[in-house]
Amino acid sequence: MSLRWRLYAYLIGAHLLFLAITVVLFREQPLLMLGLEVLVLLSLALGVWLLRRALEPLGYTRHFHDLLQDQHYAARLQLSSDKELNELVQLFNTMLGRLYQERLQIGEQQGFLDRLLEATPSAVIVFDFDGRISLLNASAHALRGLGDVKGKTLAACALEVDEAGVGLLAQLDALPLGDSQLLTDADGRRYRGQRGQFYDRGFSRHFLLVEELTEELESSEKATYEKLIRVLAHEVNNTVAATGSVLDSLLYYRSQLAERDSEDFSTAILAVQRRNASLGEFIERFTRVVKMPAPELRPAAVRDIMDDILYLYREQCRSRGITIAWQRCDEVPAIAMDRHLMEQALLNVVKNAMEAVEAGAGDGNSNHRRIDFVLAQDAGRVRLSVIDSGNLLGDVPARQLFTPFFTTKKGGQGIGLLFVREVLNRHGYAYRLAATNDGATSFDIWLTA
């Protein structure tokens, strides 16, 4: 029984007792009894009226509670005729108004945050209190290994993706709080990762910001490389041209020397000229990347290009004990490309593979000294792979590949892969150079989107 009905029961019970007492006076003083009964009834009516007025705030409190439960913060309680009760009603209405404004503000901020997360190019990964992923924006979904991973930890995600995606997830999982680091995945793509925290209901939660810097860093490297090479080429070419002219002039004085000295003089001059020519060719190899023309796209058969390269290097590989052959060759349609530039890039790739096999730990067995070509069409994409049995990339960080002047070859200049990268980027082809599980090295090029 509620408090209201208990009070009513008490009021009615007490007045019934008074009515019973007045009945005793019926025989002795009937007029007094009638007067007392009227007073008791009036007291009962007054008690009921006062009780209703006293309990009226409870009704407003219950209504206010229902509005809070249903989150109807825009509703308002009606004013009463009682001025004292109106103070309570106005207090409730003020609280509802403030709750409504706060809810509206939070909703607007949440909407802005949602739009900001979807529009930002940085990947945002938010974790719950137990370190499981609770929120991913669109950029985070694009990262390898982060598809439908809500409710999982980064360590669990790393177990479900391929080897190429494990490295990045492992690096993200190991990021210390408040630190920003440069990360690299197996494809050589570079990212800046940062771990932060915020407080939710008094407890801290972590989040990750991942920004891809591959294009930005490559553009910066290219601009620096071009500036450096232009300065070097200008100085070297001026020096080579001047010294070449002087050397040609000196040869005219050969006839004025004694026969015994003439031969030594000519030999020395010719040696310096050859060195000058070599120096010019050396600089020309660097300037090829800077002076590369825009690709002229025409349909070309990828198999024909690789067959020409196969025939070109077959004898060289045979003389070095290296087997070069097709491992797989699917029928693929002609692909729009600049055949001349792609041939130069693929020649560099195969030449690097041949030198890697020769410099690797092969034992002379042709089964262990191989270069294989793969032309495969998988899920609508055409993949061209050059796989060599050398293992020169086993301990090389992926971020160092395709950077200016980096090489794994003794005496190398570090411009071959830079030239290849420039050709592939201008064609818009995705590529990857990485060690395989069996100790080989694979250069993969995706010739279609």
Protein backbone atom coordinates (compact mmCIF):
# COMPACT_ATOMS: atom_id res chain seq x y z
CA MET A 1 0.00 0.00 0.00
CA SER A 2 1.35 3.43 -0.95
CA LEU A 3 1.90 6.28 1.46
CA ARG A 4 -1.08 8.18 0.03
CA TRP A 5 -3.53 5.36 0.77
CA ARG A 6 -2.05 4.71 4.22
CA LEU A 7 -2.63 8.36 5.11
CA TYR A 8 -6.18 8.24 3.75
CA ALA A 9 -6.84 5.04 5.73
CA TYR A 10 -5.55 6.68 8.91
CA LEU A 11 -7.65 9.82 8.39
CA ILE A 12 -10.85 7.90 7.66
CA GLY A 13 -10.29 5.42 10.50
CA ALA A 14 -9.73 8.19 13.05
CA HIS A 15 -12.89 10.06 12.02
CA LEU A 16 -14.97 6.88 12.03
CA LEU A 17 -13.89 6.39 15.63
CA PHE A 18 -15.01 9.90 16.45
CA LEU A 19 -18.37 9.22 14.76
CA ALA A 20 -18.82 6.07 16.84
CA ILE A 21 -18.15 8.02 20.03
CA THR A 22 -20.76 10.60 19.11
CA VAL A 23 -23.37 7.83 18.65
CA VAL A 24 -23.10 7.15 22.42
CA LEU A 25 -24.44 10.65 23.06
CA PHE A 26 -27.53 10.02 20.90
CA ARG A 27 -29.88 9.13 23.83
CA GLU A 28 -28.64 11.72 26.31
CA GLN A 29 -27.92 14.72 24.09
CA PRO A 30 -29.09 14.14 20.48
CA LEU A 31 -28.57 17.74 19.43
CA LEU A 32 -24.95 17.70 20.67
CA MET A 33 -24.43 14.41 18.79
CA LEU A 34 -25.69 15.90 15.55
CA GLY A 35 -23.44 18.92 15.97
CA LEU A 36 -20.40 16.75 16.71
CA GLU A 37 -21.11 14.53 13.66
CA VAL A 38 -21.24 17.63 11.44
CA LEU A 39 -17.92 18.77 12.91
CA VAL A 40 -16.39 15.31 12.34
CA LEU A 41 -17.54 15.27 8.71
CA LEU A 42 -16.19 18.77 8.17
CA SER A 43 -12.89 17.72 9.77
CA LEU A 44 -12.78 14.67 7.48
CA ALA A 45 -13.35 16.79 4.37
CA LEU A 46 -10.74 19.31 5.51
CA GLY A 47 -8.27 16.51 6.24
CA VAL A 48 -8.79 15.00 2.79
CA TRP A 49 -8.31 18.41 1.14
CA LEU A 50 -5.16 19.16 3.12
CA LEU A 51 -3.81 15.66 2.46
CA ARG A 52 -4.29 16.08 -1.29
CA ARG A 53 -2.49 19.45 -1.20
CA ALA A 54 0.33 17.97 0.85
CA LEU A 55 0.80 15.00 -1.48
CA GLU A 56 0.51 16.98 -4.72
CA PRO A 57 4.34 17.48 -4.99
CA LEU A 58 4.73 13.70 -5.00
CA GLY A 59 2.72 13.58 -8.22
CA TYR A 60 4.96 16.17 -9.84
CA THR A 61 8.02 14.25 -8.60
CA ARG A 62 6.70 11.02 -10.13
CA HIS A 63 5.97 12.78 -13.43
CA PHE A 64 9.45 14.32 -13.39
CA HIS A 65 10.95 10.88 -12.76
CA ASP A 66 9.04 9.43 -15.73
CA LEU A 67 10.33 12.20 -18.00
CA LEU A 68 13.89 11.50 -16.90
CA GLN A 69 13.46 7.78 -17.46
CA ASP A 70 12.10 8.32 -20.98
CA GLN A 71 14.66 11.11 -21.66
CA HIS A 72 11.91 13.55 -22.71
CA TYR A 73 13.98 16.57 -21.79
CA ALA A 74 12.02 18.88 -24.11
CA ALA A 75 8.77 18.38 -22.09
CA ARG A 76 7.71 20.77 -19.31
CA LEU A 77 5.57 20.32 -16.17
CA GLN A 78 2.39 22.44 -15.92
CA LEU A 79 2.22 25.16 -13.31
CA SER A 80 -0.13 24.81 -10.32
CA SER A 81 -2.39 27.32 -8.61
CA ASP A 82 -0.26 26.94 -5.48
CA LYS A 83 2.58 29.49 -5.46
CA GLU A 84 4.72 27.36 -3.13
CA LEU A 85 4.26 24.32 -5.41
CA ASN A 86 5.11 26.43 -8.46
CA GLU A 87 8.61 26.98 -7.08
CA LEU A 88 9.16 23.22 -7.19
CA VAL A 89 7.63 22.98 -10.68
CA GLN A 90 9.87 25.79 -11.96
CA LEU A 91 12.88 24.05 -10.44
CA PHE A 92 11.97 20.82 -12.27
CA ASN A 93 11.41 22.71 -15.54
CA THR A 94 14.76 24.49 -15.18
CA MET A 95 16.52 21.15 -14.67
CA LEU A 96 14.77 19.70 -17.73
CA GLY A 97 15.78 22.74 -19.80
CA ARG A 98 19.43 22.43 -18.80
CA LEU A 99 19.42 18.70 -19.52
CA TYR A 100 17.89 19.40 -22.93
CA GLN A 101 20.54 22.02 -23.78
CA GLU A 102 23.37 19.75 -22.65
CA ARG A 103 21.96 16.84 -24.61
CA LEU A 104 21.60 19.05 -27.70
CA GLN A 105 25.16 20.32 -27.31
CA ILE A 106 26.54 16.81 -26.82
CA GLY A 107 24.62 15.61 -29.88
CA GLU A 108 25.99 18.44 -32.00
CA GLN A 109 29.52 17.77 -30.77
CA GLN A 110 29.10 14.04 -31.45
CA GLY A 111 27.84 14.77 -34.95
CA PHE A 112 30.80 17.05 -35.62
CA LEU A 113 33.19 14.43 -34.24
CA ASP A 114 31.65 11.71 -36.42
CA ARG A 115 31.98 13.85 -39.55
CA LEU A 116 35.53 14.82 -38.60
CA LEU A 117 36.53 11.19 -38.09
CA GLU A 118 35.11 10.19 -41.46
CA ALA A 119 36.68 13.14 -43.29
CA THR A 120 40.16 12.98 -41.78
CA PRO A 121 42.79 11.12 -43.85
CA SER A 122 44.38 9.85 -40.65
CA ALA A 123 43.31 6.45 -39.39
CA VAL A 124 41.71 6.60 -35.92
CA ILE A 125 41.48 3.46 -33.79
CA VAL A 126 39.71 3.71 -30.41
CA PHE A 127 39.92 1.00 -27.75
CA ASP A 128 37.57 0.14 -24.89
CA PHE A 129 38.57 -0.29 -21.25
CA ASP A 130 39.90 -3.82 -21.93
CA GLY A 131 42.08 -2.83 -24.90
CA ARG A 132 39.66 -4.15 -27.55
CA ILE A 133 38.88 -2.12 -30.66
CA SER A 134 35.59 -0.25 -30.27
CA LEU A 135 35.72 2.36 -33.05
CA LEU A 136 37.34 2.65 -36.49
CA ASN A 137 36.94 5.46 -38.98
CA ALA A 138 36.95 4.97 -42.77
CA SER A 139 40.72 5.51 -43.07
CA ALA A 140 41.37 2.88 -40.40
CA HIS A 141 39.25 0.33 -42.26
CA ALA A 142 41.57 0.83 -45.26
CA LEU A 143 44.63 -0.30 -43.30
CA ARG A 144 45.69 -3.87 -43.96
CA GLY A 145 44.28 -6.27 -41.40
CA LEU A 146 41.71 -3.82 -39.98
CA GLY A 147 38.45 -4.83 -41.58
CA ASP A 148 35.69 -6.17 -39.34
CA VAL A 149 37.75 -6.23 -36.13
CA LYS A 150 35.51 -4.56 -33.56
CA GLY A 151 35.74 -6.27 -30.20
CA LYS A 152 39.21 -7.69 -30.91
CA THR A 153 42.65 -6.67 -29.71
CA LEU A 154 45.41 -5.68 -32.15
CA ALA A 155 47.33 -8.81 -31.16
CA ALA A 156 44.34 -10.98 -32.12
CA CYS A 157 43.97 -9.10 -35.43
CA ALA A 158 47.63 -9.76 -36.24
CA LEU A 159 47.00 -13.51 -35.99
CA GLU A 160 44.24 -13.35 -38.62
CA VAL A 161 46.01 -11.41 -41.39
CA ASP A 162 48.73 -12.33 -43.85
CA GLU A 163 52.40 -11.88 -43.07
CA ALA A 164 52.53 -8.54 -44.87
CA GLY A 165 49.98 -7.04 -42.50
CA VAL A 166 51.37 -8.47 -39.27
CA GLY A 167 54.33 -6.08 -39.09
CA LEU A 168 52.30 -2.89 -39.05
CA LEU A 169 49.75 -4.20 -36.51
CA ALA A 170 52.54 -5.44 -34.25
CA GLN A 171 54.25 -2.04 -34.39
CA LEU A 172 50.97 -0.28 -33.61
CA ASP A 173 50.31 -2.60 -30.68
CA ALA A 174 53.79 -1.90 -29.28
CA LEU A 175 53.50 1.90 -29.48
CA PRO A 176 54.05 3.43 -26.02
CA LEU A 177 51.57 5.93 -24.65
CA GLY A 178 52.24 9.51 -25.72
CA ASP A 179 54.95 8.52 -28.22
CA SER A 180 54.99 9.19 -31.98
CA GLN A 181 57.02 6.89 -34.24
CA LEU A 182 57.66 6.28 -37.94
CA LEU A 183 56.30 2.84 -38.87
CA THR A 184 56.76 0.74 -42.01
CA ASP A 185 54.76 -2.19 -43.35
CA ALA A 186 56.06 -5.06 -45.44
CA ASP A 187 55.31 -3.17 -48.67
CA GLY A 188 57.59 -0.33 -47.65
CA ARG A 189 54.74 2.11 -47.06
CA ARG A 190 55.54 4.49 -44.23
CA TYR A 191 53.23 5.76 -41.50
CA ARG A 192 53.38 8.00 -38.46
CA GLY A 193 51.73 6.32 -35.48
CA GLN A 194 50.82 7.94 -32.17
CA ARG A 195 49.10 6.53 -29.08
CA GLY A 196 47.06 8.76 -26.79
CA GLN A 197 44.42 8.45 -24.10
CA PHE A 198 41.19 10.08 -22.94
CA TYR A 199 38.90 9.58 -19.95
CA ASP A 200 35.49 7.97 -20.15
CA ARG A 201 33.37 7.78 -16.96
CA GLY A 202 36.47 8.32 -14.86
CA PHE A 203 38.60 5.59 -16.51
CA SER A 204 41.26 6.00 -19.20
CA ARG A 205 40.88 4.62 -22.73
CA HIS A 206 43.54 4.52 -25.44
CA PHE A 207 43.37 5.54 -29.09
CA LEU A 208 45.77 5.42 -32.05
CA LEU A 209 46.31 7.98 -34.80
CA VAL A 210 47.95 6.57 -37.94
CA GLU A 211 48.88 8.89 -40.80
CA GLU A 212 50.34 7.57 -44.04
CA LEU A 213 53.42 9.52 -45.16
CA THR A 214 54.51 7.44 -48.14
CA GLU A 215 53.66 9.91 -50.90
CA GLU A 216 54.77 12.90 -48.86
CA LEU A 217 58.17 11.37 -48.04
CA GLU A 218 58.69 10.10 -51.59
CA SER A 219 57.89 13.54 -52.97
CA SER A 220 60.34 15.14 -50.54
CA GLU A 221 63.03 12.57 -51.36
CA LYS A 222 62.48 13.06 -55.07
CA ALA A 223 62.70 16.85 -54.80
CA THR A 224 65.91 16.60 -52.77
CA TYR A 225 67.36 14.04 -55.17
CA GLU A 226 66.53 16.17 -58.22
CA LYS A 227 68.07 19.28 -56.70
CA LEU A 228 71.23 17.43 -55.72
CA ILE A 229 71.62 15.73 -59.08
CA ARG A 230 71.04 18.93 -61.03
CA VAL A 231 73.77 20.68 -59.04
CA LEU A 232 76.18 17.75 -59.43
CA ALA A 233 75.40 17.32 -63.12
CA HIS A 234 75.93 21.02 -63.78
CA GLU A 235 79.31 21.09 -62.05
CA VAL A 236 80.53 17.75 -63.43
CA ASN A 237 79.39 18.41 -67.00
CA ASN A 238 81.05 21.82 -67.01
CA THR A 239 84.27 20.30 -65.71
CA VAL A 240 84.15 17.36 -68.14
CA ALA A 241 83.49 19.64 -71.12
CA ALA A 242 86.32 22.01 -70.18
CA THR A 243 88.86 19.30 -69.43
CA GLY A 244 87.83 17.39 -72.56
CA SER A 245 88.47 20.42 -74.69
CA VAL A 246 91.87 20.96 -73.06
CA LEU A 247 92.81 17.31 -73.50
CA ASP A 248 91.90 17.40 -77.20
CA SER A 249 94.10 20.47 -77.58
CA LEU A 250 97.00 18.80 -75.80
CA LEU A 251 96.99 15.95 -78.32
CA TYR A 252 98.08 18.43 -81.00
CA TYR A 253 101.39 18.82 -79.18
CA ARG A 254 102.14 15.10 -79.41
CA SER A 255 104.15 15.54 -82.65
CA GLN A 256 106.42 18.08 -80.97
CA LEU A 257 107.61 15.57 -78.40
CA ALA A 258 110.32 13.02 -78.75
CA GLU A 259 109.17 9.67 -80.09
CA ARG A 260 110.00 8.02 -76.78
CA ASP A 261 107.85 10.50 -74.83
CA SER A 262 105.11 10.85 -77.43
CA GLU A 263 103.63 7.39 -76.79
CA ASP A 264 103.53 7.88 -73.00
CA PHE A 265 102.02 11.33 -73.47
CA SER A 266 99.27 10.00 -75.77
CA THR A 267 98.50 7.08 -73.46
CA ALA A 268 98.09 9.38 -70.47
CA ILE A 269 95.88 11.82 -72.37
CA LEU A 270 93.66 9.02 -73.72
CA ALA A 271 93.34 7.52 -70.22
CA VAL A 272 92.16 10.84 -68.81
CA GLN A 273 89.70 11.20 -71.70
CA ARG A 274 88.26 7.77 -71.00
CA ARG A 275 87.93 8.69 -67.35
CA ASN A 276 86.16 11.88 -68.35
CA ALA A 277 83.74 9.90 -70.51
CA SER A 278 83.10 7.44 -67.67
CA LEU A 279 82.40 10.31 -65.31
CA GLY A 280 79.89 11.76 -67.79
CA GLU A 281 78.17 8.39 -68.12
CA PHE A 282 78.12 8.07 -64.32
CA ILE A 283 76.29 11.37 -63.94
CA GLU A 284 73.99 10.51 -66.85
CA ARG A 285 72.75 7.43 -65.00
CA PHE A 286 71.67 9.64 -62.10
CA THR A 287 70.02 12.24 -64.32
CA ARG A 288 67.90 9.60 -66.08
CA VAL A 289 65.49 9.69 -63.14
CA VAL A 290 65.25 13.47 -63.21
CA LYS A 291 64.86 13.74 -66.99
CA MET A 292 62.37 10.90 -67.32
CA PRO A 293 59.66 11.83 -69.84
CA ALA A 294 55.95 11.43 -69.19
CA PRO A 295 54.79 7.90 -70.14
CA GLU A 296 53.06 7.47 -73.50
CA LEU A 297 50.47 4.79 -72.85
CA ARG A 298 49.79 2.25 -75.59
CA PRO A 299 48.50 -1.33 -75.36
CA ALA A 300 51.40 -3.74 -74.87
CA ALA A 301 51.67 -7.48 -74.27
CA VAL A 302 53.41 -8.05 -70.94
CA ARG A 303 54.42 -11.59 -71.88
CA ASP A 304 56.24 -10.38 -75.01
CA ILE A 305 58.21 -7.86 -72.95
CA MET A 306 59.23 -10.51 -70.42
CA ASP A 307 60.08 -12.99 -73.17
CA ASP A 308 62.48 -10.47 -74.71
CA ILE A 309 64.11 -9.93 -71.31
CA LEU A 310 64.25 -13.70 -70.78
CA TYR A 311 66.10 -14.22 -74.09
CA LEU A 312 68.40 -11.29 -73.36
CA TYR A 313 69.57 -12.62 -69.99
CA ARG A 314 69.38 -16.35 -70.69
CA GLU A 315 73.01 -16.78 -71.77
CA GLN A 316 74.34 -14.55 -69.01
CA CYS A 317 72.43 -16.54 -66.42
CA ARG A 318 73.49 -19.87 -67.93
CA SER A 319 77.15 -18.88 -67.79
CA ARG A 320 76.75 -18.04 -64.10
CA GLY A 321 74.87 -21.22 -63.23
CA ILE A 322 71.51 -19.50 -62.79
CA THR A 323 68.23 -20.89 -64.13
CA ILE A 324 65.87 -18.23 -65.48
CA ALA A 325 62.42 -19.36 -66.66
CA TRP A 326 58.67 -18.86 -66.42
CA GLN A 327 57.06 -20.33 -63.31
CA ARG A 328 53.54 -19.33 -64.30
CA CYS A 329 52.19 -17.43 -67.28
CA ASP A 330 48.45 -16.76 -67.56
CA GLU A 331 46.78 -15.37 -70.64
CA VAL A 332 46.22 -11.68 -69.98
CA PRO A 333 45.01 -8.94 -72.33
CA ALA A 334 47.25 -6.13 -73.53
CA ILE A 335 47.76 -3.42 -70.92
CA ALA A 336 48.20 0.29 -71.57
CA MET A 337 51.77 1.29 -70.68
CA ASP A 338 54.88 3.02 -71.99
CA ARG A 339 56.69 -0.01 -73.32
CA HIS A 340 60.09 1.65 -73.48
CA LEU A 341 60.01 2.86 -69.86
CA MET A 342 58.59 -0.42 -68.57
CA GLU A 343 61.26 -2.39 -70.42
CA GLN A 344 63.98 -0.28 -68.84
CA ALA A 345 62.41 -0.72 -65.38
CA LEU A 346 61.98 -4.50 -65.78
CA LEU A 347 65.52 -4.86 -67.12
CA ASN A 348 66.70 -3.22 -63.90
CA VAL A 349 64.57 -5.58 -61.83
CA VAL A 350 65.86 -8.72 -63.57
CA LYS A 351 69.46 -7.46 -63.51
CA ASN A 352 69.17 -6.85 -59.76
CA ALA A 353 67.71 -10.33 -59.32
CA MET A 354 70.59 -11.90 -61.26
CA GLU A 355 73.17 -10.03 -59.20
CA ALA A 356 71.35 -10.94 -55.98
CA VAL A 357 71.39 -14.64 -56.86
CA GLU A 358 75.07 -14.46 -57.74
CA ALA A 359 75.89 -12.65 -54.50
CA GLY A 360 73.63 -14.85 -52.39
CA ALA A 361 74.43 -17.99 -50.49
CA GLY A 362 73.83 -20.37 -53.39
CA ASP A 363 75.88 -23.55 -53.49
CA GLY A 364 76.10 -23.82 -57.27
CA ASN A 365 73.07 -26.09 -57.60
CA SER A 366 70.75 -24.67 -60.25
CA ASN A 367 67.77 -25.64 -58.12
CA HIS A 368 68.97 -23.11 -55.56
CA ARG A 369 70.09 -20.44 -58.04
CA ARG A 370 66.94 -19.43 -59.88
CA ILE A 371 65.04 -16.49 -61.29
CA ASP A 372 61.35 -17.16 -61.93
CA PHE A 373 58.77 -15.05 -63.75
CA VAL A 374 55.10 -15.12 -62.75
CA LEU A 375 52.32 -13.49 -64.75
CA ALA A 376 49.05 -14.20 -62.93
CA GLN A 377 45.51 -12.93 -63.17
CA ASP A 378 43.83 -13.15 -59.77
CA ALA A 379 40.46 -11.60 -58.89
CA GLY A 380 40.56 -9.26 -61.85
CA ARG A 381 44.08 -8.02 -61.14
CA VAL A 382 47.19 -8.77 -63.19
CA ARG A 383 50.31 -9.45 -61.14
CA LEU A 384 53.82 -9.65 -62.56
CA SER A 385 56.44 -11.11 -60.21
CA VAL A 386 60.19 -11.58 -60.54
CA ILE A 387 61.33 -14.06 -57.90
CA ASP A 388 65.01 -14.75 -57.22
CA SER A 389 66.65 -17.22 -54.87
CA GLY A 390 68.98 -14.60 -53.43
CA ASN A 391 68.29 -13.52 -49.88
CA LEU A 392 69.75 -10.03 -49.76
CA LEU A 393 66.63 -8.46 -48.21
CA GLY A 394 66.38 -10.71 -45.17
CA ASP A 395 67.67 -8.08 -42.74
CA VAL A 396 66.90 -4.92 -44.73
CA PRO A 397 64.16 -2.67 -43.28
CA ALA A 398 61.38 -2.11 -45.79
CA ARG A 399 61.56 1.67 -45.31
CA GLN A 400 65.09 1.77 -46.81
CA LEU A 401 64.06 0.22 -50.12
CA PHE A 402 63.38 2.55 -53.06
CA THR A 403 65.19 5.42 -51.33
CA PRO A 404 67.92 7.42 -53.12
CA PHE A 405 71.46 5.99 -52.93
CA PHE A 406 70.46 2.92 -50.89
CA THR A 407 71.80 -0.39 -52.23
CA THR A 408 72.57 -3.88 -50.96
CA LYS A 409 75.22 -4.47 -53.62
CA LYS A 410 78.90 -3.82 -53.08
CA GLY A 411 79.85 -0.84 -55.21
CA GLY A 412 76.22 -0.14 -56.14
CA GLN A 413 74.99 3.39 -56.69
CA GLY A 414 71.45 3.04 -55.36
CA ILE A 415 69.67 4.48 -58.42
CA GLY A 416 68.26 1.31 -60.07
CA LEU A 417 65.32 0.86 -57.69
CA LEU A 418 64.79 4.62 -57.61
CA PHE A 419 64.37 4.59 -61.39
CA VAL A 420 62.02 1.59 -61.17
CA ARG A 421 59.94 3.31 -58.48
CA GLU A 422 59.60 6.44 -60.61
CA VAL A 423 58.47 4.46 -63.67
CA LEU A 424 55.90 2.46 -61.70
CA ASN A 425 54.58 5.52 -59.88
CA ARG A 426 54.11 7.37 -63.16
CA HIS A 427 52.11 4.42 -64.47
CA GLY A 428 50.08 4.21 -61.25
CA TYR A 429 51.08 0.58 -60.61
CA ALA A 430 51.24 -0.81 -57.08
CA TYR A 431 54.41 -2.72 -56.26
CA ARG A 432 56.19 -4.55 -53.46
CA LEU A 433 59.72 -5.83 -52.93
CA ALA A 434 60.01 -8.22 -50.02
CA ALA A 435 61.58 -11.45 -48.83
CA THR A 436 59.39 -14.55 -48.99
CA ASN A 437 58.97 -17.25 -46.39
CA ASP A 438 61.27 -19.67 -48.22
CA GLY A 439 64.29 -17.35 -48.27
CA ALA A 440 63.71 -15.93 -51.75
CA THR A 441 63.00 -12.35 -52.81
CA SER A 442 59.94 -11.36 -54.83
CA PHE A 443 59.35 -8.13 -56.74
CA ASP A 444 55.59 -7.93 -57.33
CA ILE A 445 53.95 -5.42 -59.67
CA TRP A 446 50.16 -5.09 -59.98
CA LEU A 447 49.57 -3.86 -63.53
CA THR A 448 45.86 -3.14 -63.01
CA ALA A 449 43.89 -1.34 -60.32
